[in-house]
Amino acid sequence: LKRNILDREFEEIHPIYEKYLKEGKKIDKKIFVTAYEISPLWHLKIQEAFQRFTENAVSKTINLPETANVDTVKEIFLTAIEANLKGVTIYRDKSRPKQTLNFCNINPEKEC
C-alpha cells in the first residue's frame, strides 16, 4: 500500500503480512485481503454492524476500482440510506491525478 501525504509517499506493509513474507510462510488470501477485494455491500454491512453500537456517525470510505460506474455508486448510497447509515463515502481509484492511497500489485515489474 502506498500512501501520499503532503506530497510525500509512504509505503505501508501490515506487520503480520511482512512477517509471513520474511519467514516464507504461505499468504492466506482469506486472511490478507484488500479493500478492493471486499464487495461494497460488505463494506456497508461492516459499517452497519459497528454503527449499531455507536451513538455518533461512523465514517467509512468504500474504495472502488477505476472501472466502477454510476450504477454501482447509486446502489451503494441507496443501500446505505435504507440501512440508516451515516458518513458513507466512496473513492474511485485513479479518479484524481494524485491520491492518498494507491493499491500496488506485489509484482515489482508493475508500476502503481
N, C-alpha and C. Protein backbone atom coordinates (compact mmCIF):
# COMPACT_ATOMS: atom_id res chain seq x y z
N LEU A 1 0.85 -1.16 0.00
CA LEU A 1 0.00 0.00 0.00
C LEU A 1 0.90 1.22 0.00
N LYS A 2 0.62 2.12 -0.89
CA LYS A 2 1.36 3.38 -0.90
C LYS A 2 0.42 4.50 -0.49
N ARG A 3 0.89 5.36 0.39
CA ARG A 3 0.09 6.47 0.90
C ARG A 3 0.81 7.76 0.58
N ASN A 4 0.08 8.73 0.04
CA ASN A 4 0.63 10.05 -0.26
C ASN A 4 0.08 11.05 0.75
N ILE A 5 0.99 11.67 1.50
CA ILE A 5 0.59 12.68 2.47
C ILE A 5 1.52 13.88 2.30
N LEU A 6 0.91 15.03 2.04
CA LEU A 6 1.67 16.27 1.86
C LEU A 6 2.80 16.10 0.85
N ASP A 7 2.47 15.53 -0.29
CA ASP A 7 3.41 15.32 -1.39
C ASP A 7 4.58 14.40 -1.05
N ARG A 8 4.45 13.62 0.01
CA ARG A 8 5.45 12.61 0.34
C ARG A 8 4.79 11.25 0.23
N GLU A 9 5.54 10.28 -0.28
CA GLU A 9 4.99 8.94 -0.47
C GLU A 9 5.54 8.00 0.60
N PHE A 10 4.63 7.24 1.21
CA PHE A 10 4.99 6.26 2.22
C PHE A 10 4.48 4.89 1.77
N GLU A 11 5.29 3.87 1.93
CA GLU A 11 4.86 2.52 1.62
C GLU A 11 4.55 1.82 2.93
N GLU A 12 3.38 1.19 2.99
CA GLU A 12 2.96 0.52 4.21
C GLU A 12 2.76 -0.96 3.95
N ILE A 13 3.28 -1.79 4.84
CA ILE A 13 3.05 -3.22 4.78
C ILE A 13 2.60 -3.65 6.17
N HIS A 14 1.49 -4.35 6.24
CA HIS A 14 1.00 -4.80 7.54
C HIS A 14 2.07 -5.66 8.20
N PRO A 15 2.35 -5.44 9.49
CA PRO A 15 3.46 -6.15 10.15
C PRO A 15 3.33 -7.68 10.13
N ILE A 16 2.12 -8.20 10.27
CA ILE A 16 1.96 -9.66 10.23
C ILE A 16 2.21 -10.17 8.82
N TYR A 17 1.72 -9.43 7.82
CA TYR A 17 1.95 -9.80 6.42
C TYR A 17 3.45 -9.81 6.12
N GLU A 18 4.13 -8.77 6.60
CA GLU A 18 5.57 -8.65 6.39
C GLU A 18 6.31 -9.82 7.06
N LYS A 19 5.87 -10.20 8.25
CA LYS A 19 6.48 -11.32 8.96
C LYS A 19 6.31 -12.62 8.17
N TYR A 20 5.11 -12.83 7.62
CA TYR A 20 4.86 -14.02 6.80
C TYR A 20 5.81 -14.04 5.60
N LEU A 21 5.97 -12.88 4.96
CA LEU A 21 6.87 -12.80 3.80
C LEU A 21 8.30 -13.15 4.18
N LYS A 22 8.79 -12.58 5.28
CA LYS A 22 10.16 -12.82 5.72
C LYS A 22 10.39 -14.28 6.09
N GLU A 23 9.37 -14.91 6.69
CA GLU A 23 9.51 -16.30 7.12
C GLU A 23 9.18 -17.29 6.00
N GLY A 24 8.78 -16.77 4.85
CA GLY A 24 8.47 -17.63 3.72
C GLY A 24 7.18 -18.42 3.88
N LYS A 25 6.32 -17.95 4.79
CA LYS A 25 5.04 -18.63 5.02
C LYS A 25 4.08 -18.34 3.87
N LYS A 26 3.16 -19.26 3.66
CA LYS A 26 2.14 -19.08 2.63
C LYS A 26 1.20 -17.95 3.05
N ILE A 27 0.90 -17.08 2.11
CA ILE A 27 -0.01 -15.97 2.37
C ILE A 27 -1.43 -16.46 2.10
N ASP A 28 -2.25 -16.52 3.14
CA ASP A 28 -3.62 -16.99 3.02
C ASP A 28 -4.50 -15.83 2.53
N LYS A 29 -5.02 -15.95 1.32
CA LYS A 29 -5.82 -14.88 0.71
C LYS A 29 -7.15 -14.66 1.44
N LYS A 30 -7.55 -15.61 2.29
CA LYS A 30 -8.78 -15.43 3.06
C LYS A 30 -8.56 -14.48 4.23
N ILE A 31 -7.31 -14.38 4.68
CA ILE A 31 -6.99 -13.53 5.82
C ILE A 31 -6.49 -12.16 5.37
N PHE A 32 -5.59 -12.16 4.40
CA PHE A 32 -4.99 -10.91 3.93
C PHE A 32 -5.71 -10.44 2.67
N VAL A 33 -6.74 -9.65 2.88
CA VAL A 33 -7.50 -9.11 1.75
C VAL A 33 -7.35 -7.60 1.72
N THR A 34 -7.56 -7.03 0.56
CA THR A 34 -7.51 -5.57 0.43
C THR A 34 -8.93 -5.02 0.38
N ALA A 35 -9.05 -3.73 0.53
CA ALA A 35 -10.36 -3.08 0.47
C ALA A 35 -11.05 -3.36 -0.86
N TYR A 36 -10.26 -3.53 -1.92
CA TYR A 36 -10.83 -3.79 -3.25
C TYR A 36 -11.38 -5.20 -3.36
N GLU A 37 -10.93 -6.10 -2.51
CA GLU A 37 -11.39 -7.49 -2.57
C GLU A 37 -12.64 -7.72 -1.72
N ILE A 38 -13.07 -6.71 -1.00
CA ILE A 38 -14.30 -6.79 -0.21
C ILE A 38 -15.37 -6.04 -1.00
N SER A 39 -16.49 -6.69 -1.24
CA SER A 39 -17.53 -6.05 -2.05
C SER A 39 -18.07 -4.81 -1.34
N PRO A 40 -18.52 -3.82 -2.10
CA PRO A 40 -19.06 -2.60 -1.49
C PRO A 40 -20.19 -2.89 -0.50
N LEU A 41 -21.03 -3.88 -0.80
CA LEU A 41 -22.14 -4.18 0.11
C LEU A 41 -21.64 -4.75 1.43
N TRP A 42 -20.53 -5.49 1.41
CA TRP A 42 -19.95 -5.97 2.67
C TRP A 42 -19.31 -4.83 3.45
N HIS A 43 -18.76 -3.85 2.77
CA HIS A 43 -18.26 -2.66 3.47
C HIS A 43 -19.42 -2.02 4.25
N LEU A 44 -20.58 -1.94 3.61
CA LEU A 44 -21.75 -1.34 4.27
C LEU A 44 -22.21 -2.19 5.45
N LYS A 45 -22.19 -3.51 5.29
CA LYS A 45 -22.59 -4.40 6.40
C LYS A 45 -21.66 -4.23 7.60
N ILE A 46 -20.38 -4.08 7.32
CA ILE A 46 -19.41 -3.86 8.40
C ILE A 46 -19.72 -2.54 9.12
N GLN A 47 -19.98 -1.50 8.33
CA GLN A 47 -20.31 -0.21 8.93
C GLN A 47 -21.60 -0.29 9.73
N GLU A 48 -22.59 -0.99 9.19
CA GLU A 48 -23.88 -1.12 9.88
C GLU A 48 -23.71 -1.83 11.23
N ALA A 49 -22.92 -2.89 11.25
CA ALA A 49 -22.69 -3.63 12.50
C ALA A 49 -22.00 -2.75 13.54
N PHE A 50 -21.04 -1.97 13.11
CA PHE A 50 -20.31 -1.10 14.03
C PHE A 50 -21.18 0.06 14.49
N GLN A 51 -21.91 0.66 13.56
CA GLN A 51 -22.70 1.84 13.88
C GLN A 51 -23.84 1.51 14.83
N ARG A 52 -24.32 0.29 14.81
CA ARG A 52 -25.42 -0.12 15.68
C ARG A 52 -25.08 0.13 17.16
N PHE A 53 -23.81 0.07 17.50
CA PHE A 53 -23.39 0.24 18.89
C PHE A 53 -22.68 1.57 19.14
N THR A 54 -22.87 2.52 18.21
CA THR A 54 -22.22 3.82 18.31
C THR A 54 -23.27 4.91 18.24
N GLU A 55 -23.23 5.85 19.18
CA GLU A 55 -24.23 6.92 19.18
C GLU A 55 -24.01 7.92 18.06
N ASN A 56 -22.77 8.22 17.75
CA ASN A 56 -22.47 9.18 16.69
C ASN A 56 -22.36 8.46 15.35
N ALA A 57 -22.12 9.23 14.33
CA ALA A 57 -21.96 8.65 13.00
C ALA A 57 -20.62 7.93 12.90
N VAL A 58 -20.59 6.93 12.06
CA VAL A 58 -19.36 6.20 11.76
C VAL A 58 -19.00 6.51 10.32
N SER A 59 -17.80 6.98 10.10
CA SER A 59 -17.36 7.31 8.75
C SER A 59 -16.68 6.10 8.12
N LYS A 60 -17.05 5.80 6.89
CA LYS A 60 -16.48 4.65 6.19
C LYS A 60 -16.31 5.02 4.73
N THR A 61 -15.11 4.84 4.23
CA THR A 61 -14.86 5.05 2.80
C THR A 61 -14.82 3.70 2.11
N ILE A 62 -15.56 3.61 1.03
CA ILE A 62 -15.55 2.40 0.21
C ILE A 62 -14.67 2.70 -0.99
N ASN A 63 -13.58 1.96 -1.10
CA ASN A 63 -12.65 2.13 -2.22
C ASN A 63 -13.14 1.30 -3.39
N LEU A 64 -13.34 1.96 -4.51
CA LEU A 64 -13.84 1.28 -5.71
C LEU A 64 -12.76 1.25 -6.77
N PRO A 65 -12.79 0.23 -7.62
CA PRO A 65 -11.83 0.19 -8.73
C PRO A 65 -12.15 1.29 -9.73
N GLU A 66 -11.20 1.61 -10.57
CA GLU A 66 -11.43 2.69 -11.54
C GLU A 66 -12.52 2.33 -12.54
N THR A 67 -12.89 1.06 -12.62
CA THR A 67 -13.94 0.62 -13.55
C THR A 67 -15.34 0.81 -12.98
N ALA A 68 -15.46 1.25 -11.73
CA ALA A 68 -16.78 1.43 -11.10
C ALA A 68 -17.59 2.45 -11.89
N ASN A 69 -18.89 2.18 -12.01
CA ASN A 69 -19.74 3.09 -12.79
C ASN A 69 -20.80 3.75 -11.89
N VAL A 70 -21.60 4.60 -12.49
CA VAL A 70 -22.61 5.37 -11.76
C VAL A 70 -23.61 4.45 -11.09
N ASP A 71 -24.01 3.37 -11.75
CA ASP A 71 -24.98 2.45 -11.16
C ASP A 71 -24.45 1.81 -9.87
N THR A 72 -23.17 1.49 -9.85
CA THR A 72 -22.56 0.92 -8.64
C THR A 72 -22.61 1.93 -7.50
N VAL A 73 -22.25 3.16 -7.79
CA VAL A 73 -22.27 4.22 -6.77
C VAL A 73 -23.70 4.44 -6.27
N LYS A 74 -24.64 4.47 -7.19
CA LYS A 74 -26.05 4.66 -6.82
C LYS A 74 -26.52 3.54 -5.89
N GLU A 75 -26.19 2.30 -6.22
CA GLU A 75 -26.59 1.16 -5.39
C GLU A 75 -26.00 1.26 -3.98
N ILE A 76 -24.75 1.67 -3.90
CA ILE A 76 -24.10 1.81 -2.59
C ILE A 76 -24.84 2.83 -1.73
N PHE A 77 -25.11 4.01 -2.28
CA PHE A 77 -25.75 5.06 -1.49
C PHE A 77 -27.20 4.73 -1.15
N LEU A 78 -27.94 4.11 -2.07
CA LEU A 78 -29.33 3.73 -1.76
C LEU A 78 -29.37 2.66 -0.68
N THR A 79 -28.45 1.72 -0.74
CA THR A 79 -28.38 0.68 0.29
C THR A 79 -28.02 1.29 1.64
N ALA A 80 -27.10 2.25 1.64
CA ALA A 80 -26.71 2.93 2.88
C ALA A 80 -27.88 3.70 3.48
N ILE A 81 -28.66 4.35 2.64
CA ILE A 81 -29.83 5.09 3.11
C ILE A 81 -30.84 4.14 3.74
N GLU A 82 -31.10 3.01 3.08
CA GLU A 82 -32.05 2.02 3.62
C GLU A 82 -31.61 1.51 4.99
N ALA A 83 -30.31 1.40 5.19
CA ALA A 83 -29.77 0.89 6.46
C ALA A 83 -29.55 2.00 7.49
N ASN A 84 -29.97 3.23 7.16
CA ASN A 84 -29.77 4.40 8.04
C ASN A 84 -28.31 4.63 8.39
N LEU A 85 -27.43 4.41 7.44
CA LEU A 85 -26.01 4.63 7.68
C LEU A 85 -25.67 6.09 7.46
N LYS A 86 -24.69 6.56 8.22
CA LYS A 86 -24.24 7.94 8.11
C LYS A 86 -22.76 7.91 7.77
N GLY A 87 -22.29 8.91 7.10
CA GLY A 87 -20.85 9.03 6.86
C GLY A 87 -20.29 8.08 5.82
N VAL A 88 -21.10 7.69 4.85
CA VAL A 88 -20.60 6.81 3.79
C VAL A 88 -19.97 7.67 2.70
N THR A 89 -18.76 7.34 2.33
CA THR A 89 -18.11 8.00 1.19
C THR A 89 -17.55 6.92 0.28
N ILE A 90 -17.36 7.29 -0.95
CA ILE A 90 -16.72 6.37 -1.90
C ILE A 90 -15.53 7.08 -2.52
N TYR A 91 -14.58 6.28 -2.93
CA TYR A 91 -13.45 6.82 -3.68
C TYR A 91 -13.17 5.86 -4.83
N ARG A 92 -13.23 6.38 -6.05
CA ARG A 92 -12.94 5.56 -7.22
C ARG A 92 -11.47 5.72 -7.57
N ASP A 93 -10.77 4.58 -7.61
CA ASP A 93 -9.33 4.58 -7.87
C ASP A 93 -9.00 5.34 -9.15
N LYS A 94 -7.94 6.10 -9.08
CA LYS A 94 -7.41 6.89 -10.20
C LYS A 94 -8.37 7.98 -10.69
N SER A 95 -9.29 8.41 -9.82
CA SER A 95 -10.21 9.48 -10.22
C SER A 95 -9.56 10.86 -10.06
N ARG A 96 -8.37 10.89 -9.49
CA ARG A 96 -7.60 12.13 -9.35
C ARG A 96 -6.16 11.85 -9.75
N PRO A 97 -5.46 12.86 -10.24
CA PRO A 97 -4.06 12.63 -10.62
C PRO A 97 -3.18 12.24 -9.43
N LYS A 98 -3.45 12.81 -8.27
CA LYS A 98 -2.75 12.43 -7.04
C LYS A 98 -3.80 11.94 -6.06
N GLN A 99 -3.53 10.82 -5.42
CA GLN A 99 -4.48 10.30 -4.45
C GLN A 99 -3.75 9.84 -3.21
N THR A 100 -4.48 9.82 -2.09
CA THR A 100 -3.87 9.48 -0.80
C THR A 100 -3.40 8.04 -0.77
N LEU A 101 -4.23 7.10 -1.20
CA LEU A 101 -3.87 5.69 -1.17
C LEU A 101 -3.74 5.14 -2.58
N ASN A 102 -2.77 4.28 -2.77
CA ASN A 102 -2.59 3.59 -4.04
C ASN A 102 -2.50 2.10 -3.77
N PHE A 103 -3.28 1.34 -4.50
CA PHE A 103 -3.19 -0.11 -4.41
C PHE A 103 -2.10 -0.55 -5.37
N CYS A 104 -1.10 -1.22 -4.84
CA CYS A 104 0.03 -1.64 -5.65
C CYS A 104 0.08 -3.16 -5.73
N ASN A 105 0.27 -3.64 -6.91
CA ASN A 105 0.47 -5.06 -7.10
C ASN A 105 1.82 -5.44 -6.51
N ILE A 106 1.91 -6.61 -5.90
CA ILE A 106 3.18 -7.04 -5.31
C ILE A 106 4.21 -7.32 -6.40
N ASN A 107 3.76 -7.53 -7.61
CA ASN A 107 4.67 -7.78 -8.72
C ASN A 107 5.53 -6.54 -8.93
N PRO A 108 6.84 -6.64 -8.67
CA PRO A 108 7.71 -5.46 -8.76
C PRO A 108 7.87 -4.91 -10.17
N GLU A 109 7.49 -5.69 -11.17
CA GLU A 109 7.62 -5.21 -12.55
C GLU A 109 6.49 -4.26 -12.93
N LYS A 110 5.43 -4.26 -12.14
CA LYS A 110 4.30 -3.38 -12.42
C LYS A 110 4.40 -2.12 -11.58
N GLU A 111 4.08 -1.02 -12.19
CA GLU A 111 4.10 0.27 -11.51
C GLU A 111 2.73 0.52 -10.89
N CYS A 112 2.66 1.27 -9.80
CA CYS A 112 1.36 1.61 -9.18
C CYS A 112 0.58 2.51 -10.10
